[in-house]
Amino acid sequence: MTDLVEGDLDRIIEMAWEDRTPFEAIELQFGLTEPQVIKLMRNNLKPGSFKRWRERVTGRATKHLQLREFTVGRGYCATQYKAPQYRQR
């Protein structure tokens, strides 16, 4: 796995949970393949949460660019491009 800086782990987990964010987007942004994301999720979620996540993403067309229809569009996260020091809490 690539070296992750502070905050990357939370963002990867967030992107993995998002329905419209494909694994390819995580790979493009962080260099982690789908099996690496699965391993990361397994190691960082509680067992029950990991099981629910796997059930949710297994076979989900929106998590794979090649399986999704063009009409799905692209997901948007309001905090994705904001620097941490500018986020309001």
Protein backbone atom coordinates (compact mmCIF):
# COMPACT_ATOMS: atom_id res chain seq x y z
CA MET A 1 0.00 0.00 0.00
CA THR A 2 1.05 3.55 -0.54
CA ASP A 3 2.04 5.80 2.35
CA LEU A 4 -1.01 7.66 3.57
CA VAL A 5 -0.83 11.11 5.12
CA GLU A 6 -2.98 12.21 8.02
CA GLY A 7 -6.62 12.43 6.99
CA ASP A 8 -6.25 10.13 3.96
CA LEU A 9 -7.52 7.09 5.83
CA ASP A 10 -10.74 8.84 6.83
CA ARG A 11 -11.25 10.14 3.30
CA ILE A 12 -10.69 6.70 1.74
CA ILE A 13 -13.20 5.12 4.13
CA GLU A 14 -15.67 7.90 3.35
CA MET A 15 -15.22 7.40 -0.40
CA ALA A 16 -15.57 3.62 -0.05
CA TRP A 17 -18.92 4.05 1.76
CA GLU A 18 -20.26 6.50 -0.85
CA ASP A 19 -22.50 4.75 -3.37
CA ARG A 20 -21.50 6.87 -6.35
CA THR A 21 -17.74 6.86 -5.81
CA PRO A 22 -16.20 4.04 -7.86
CA PHE A 23 -13.15 2.12 -6.70
CA GLU A 24 -11.34 3.54 -9.72
CA ALA A 25 -11.66 7.05 -8.24
CA ILE A 26 -10.02 5.87 -5.03
CA GLU A 27 -7.25 4.26 -7.04
CA LEU A 28 -6.73 7.40 -9.10
CA GLN A 29 -6.60 9.67 -6.06
CA PHE A 30 -4.78 7.45 -3.54
CA GLY A 31 -3.19 4.66 -5.59
CA LEU A 32 -5.12 1.89 -3.82
CA THR A 33 -6.64 -0.93 -5.87
CA GLU A 34 -10.02 -2.44 -4.98
CA PRO A 35 -8.44 -5.39 -3.08
CA GLN A 36 -6.29 -2.92 -1.13
CA VAL A 37 -9.35 -0.83 -0.26
CA ILE A 38 -11.14 -3.99 0.93
CA LYS A 39 -8.13 -4.88 3.10
CA LEU A 40 -7.99 -1.31 4.46
CA MET A 41 -11.70 -1.43 5.30
CA ARG A 42 -11.33 -4.84 6.96
CA ASN A 43 -8.49 -3.54 9.14
CA ASN A 44 -10.14 -0.25 10.10
CA LEU A 45 -13.83 -1.05 10.58
CA LYS A 46 -15.52 -3.08 13.26
CA PRO A 47 -16.35 -6.60 12.02
CA GLY A 48 -20.07 -5.86 11.76
CA SER A 49 -19.49 -2.60 9.92
CA PHE A 50 -17.13 -4.30 7.49
CA LYS A 51 -19.69 -7.05 6.83
CA ARG A 52 -22.44 -4.48 6.14
CA TRP A 53 -20.11 -2.51 3.85
CA ARG A 54 -19.13 -5.63 1.88
CA GLU A 55 -22.79 -6.63 1.45
CA ARG A 56 -23.55 -3.09 0.31
CA VAL A 57 -20.80 -2.78 -2.32
CA THR A 58 -20.68 -6.35 -3.62
CA GLY A 59 -22.24 -6.35 -7.06
CA ARG A 60 -23.11 -2.65 -6.90
CA ALA A 61 -22.70 -1.26 -10.42
CA THR A 62 -22.04 2.27 -9.21
CA LYS A 63 -18.84 1.16 -7.46
CA HIS A 64 -17.27 0.06 -10.77
CA LEU A 65 -16.91 2.41 -13.74
CA GLN A 66 -17.20 -0.40 -16.29
CA LEU A 67 -20.52 -1.57 -14.83
CA ARG A 68 -22.27 1.72 -14.39
CA GLU A 69 -24.47 3.44 -16.88
CA PHE A 70 -23.61 6.93 -18.02
CA THR A 71 -26.83 8.27 -16.45
CA VAL A 72 -25.51 7.56 -12.95
CA GLY A 73 -23.35 10.62 -13.19
CA ARG A 74 -20.73 11.54 -10.70
CA GLY A 75 -21.07 11.79 -6.97
CA TYR A 76 -20.21 15.01 -5.19
CA CYS A 77 -18.92 15.49 -1.69
CA ALA A 78 -19.10 19.06 -0.41
CA THR A 79 -15.95 18.63 1.70
CA GLN A 80 -13.83 16.77 -0.85
CA TYR A 81 -11.85 19.71 -2.18
CA LYS A 82 -11.74 21.90 0.91
CA ALA A 83 -8.55 22.17 2.88
CA PRO A 84 -8.99 20.89 6.47
CA GLN A 85 -8.11 24.26 8.02
CA TYR A 86 -11.04 25.90 6.18
CA ARG A 87 -13.72 23.41 7.12
CA GLN A 88 -16.32 24.70 9.51
CA ARG A 89 -17.21 22.52 12.45
